[in-house]
Every structure is written in structure tokens, then in C-alpha cells.
Amino acid sequence: MGLAIIILIRILFATCMVFIIGYVFGGFAKNPTLRIFTKIAAVAVVVLFILANIFLGFGRFRHAGRDGTWDCPFQSEQQHK
């Protein structure tokens, strides 16, 4: 499920980039409907970028215990060596 969400976020991110590139280099600026979609896409790119980093951050860290501390799996592997 987590991988599917990350893939979906990346597909939406690529779609938003198509609208932004179409606005800058194509004729999207002349069509009012495409201009509105491009403005929405510009905001969505920022939101999707933040969401992707949050979901990838959840994969990097896991909750260690009841004391509220976070444990990084890579640090614990290095400590056991």
C-alpha cells in the first residue's frame, strides 16, 4: 500500500510538470481553461513534493518504543557491528 501511494504521488507530480512545461513552452497560456489547470498544477507540485518526502520519511524511521523515541534502522545496524 505504501509503495502504491508513492507511485501515485510520482505520477501526479509528472502530470503537474506536463502542465507547467506546457504553460511555459507551449500554448497553454492562450487557453483560459488550461491556464487554470496550470495554476492548480503549480500548487499541486509543491504539495506532492512535500507529501512524497513525508511518506519516504515514514519508511526510513520506525517507532522504537513506548518512550516516544524514534529509531533509525541504519543507525541500529551500525551500533550492532
Protein backbone atom coordinates (compact mmCIF):
# COMPACT_ATOMS: atom_id res chain seq x y z
CA MET A 1 0.00 0.00 0.00
CA GLY A 2 2.80 2.43 0.83
CA LEU A 3 4.58 1.82 -2.45
CA ALA A 4 1.33 2.36 -4.36
CA ILE A 5 0.87 5.75 -2.71
CA ILE A 6 4.41 6.79 -3.58
CA ILE A 7 3.92 5.68 -7.21
CA LEU A 8 0.62 7.59 -7.38
CA ILE A 9 2.24 10.73 -5.99
CA ARG A 10 5.03 10.49 -8.56
CA ILE A 11 2.55 10.04 -11.44
CA LEU A 12 0.57 13.07 -10.27
CA PHE A 13 3.82 15.01 -9.92
CA ALA A 14 4.78 14.17 -13.52
CA THR A 15 1.32 15.19 -14.74
CA CYS A 16 1.62 18.54 -12.99
CA MET A 17 5.02 19.08 -14.56
CA VAL A 18 3.49 18.50 -18.03
CA PHE A 19 1.03 21.31 -17.40
CA ILE A 20 3.72 23.66 -16.14
CA ILE A 21 6.06 22.91 -19.05
CA GLY A 22 3.13 23.30 -21.46
CA TYR A 23 2.40 26.71 -20.00
CA VAL A 24 5.98 27.91 -20.21
CA PHE A 25 6.99 26.45 -23.58
CA GLY A 26 3.65 25.62 -25.25
CA GLY A 27 0.38 27.33 -25.99
CA PHE A 28 -1.28 26.64 -22.65
CA ALA A 29 -1.15 30.33 -21.74
CA LYS A 30 -3.57 31.21 -24.55
CA ASN A 31 -6.35 28.87 -23.42
CA PRO A 32 -8.13 30.06 -20.24
CA THR A 33 -9.05 26.53 -19.11
CA LEU A 34 -5.50 25.25 -19.46
CA ARG A 35 -4.25 28.36 -17.67
CA ILE A 36 -6.42 27.49 -14.65
CA PHE A 37 -5.22 23.85 -14.69
CA THR A 38 -1.63 25.09 -14.81
CA LYS A 39 -2.14 27.26 -11.73
CA ILE A 40 -3.64 24.29 -9.89
CA ALA A 41 -0.75 22.11 -11.07
CA ALA A 42 1.81 24.59 -9.76
CA VAL A 43 0.30 24.40 -6.28
CA ALA A 44 -0.10 20.62 -6.54
CA VAL A 45 3.60 20.19 -7.37
CA VAL A 46 4.59 21.79 -4.09
CA VAL A 47 2.05 19.74 -2.11
CA LEU A 48 3.02 16.47 -3.83
CA PHE A 49 6.70 17.14 -3.24
CA ILE A 50 6.07 17.61 0.48
CA LEU A 51 3.83 14.51 0.65
CA ALA A 52 6.42 12.38 -1.14
CA ASN A 53 9.07 13.43 1.36
CA ILE A 54 6.76 12.69 4.29
CA PHE A 55 5.92 9.20 3.02
CA LEU A 56 9.54 8.42 2.25
CA GLY A 57 10.46 9.67 5.73
CA PHE A 58 7.99 7.25 7.29
CA GLY A 59 9.78 4.44 5.53
CA ARG A 60 13.16 5.50 6.90
CA PHE A 61 12.22 5.66 10.57
CA ARG A 62 10.22 3.37 12.78
CA HIS A 63 8.83 3.94 16.23
CA ALA A 64 11.16 2.23 18.69
CA GLY A 65 9.12 2.00 21.85
CA ARG A 66 6.69 3.48 24.31
CA ASP A 67 9.09 6.17 25.47
CA GLY A 68 8.40 8.20 22.31
CA THR A 69 11.84 7.89 20.76
CA TRP A 70 12.42 7.21 17.09
CA ASP A 71 14.86 4.63 15.86
CA CYS A 72 16.65 4.77 12.50
CA PRO A 73 17.23 1.26 11.13
CA PHE A 74 20.61 2.18 9.69
CA GLN A 75 21.93 3.53 12.99
CA SER A 76 20.86 0.39 14.85
CA GLU A 77 22.66 -1.81 12.29
CA GLN A 78 25.85 0.20 12.74
CA GLN A 79 25.61 0.01 16.53
CA HIS A 80 25.32 -3.79 16.47
CA LYS A 81 28.55 -4.25 14.47
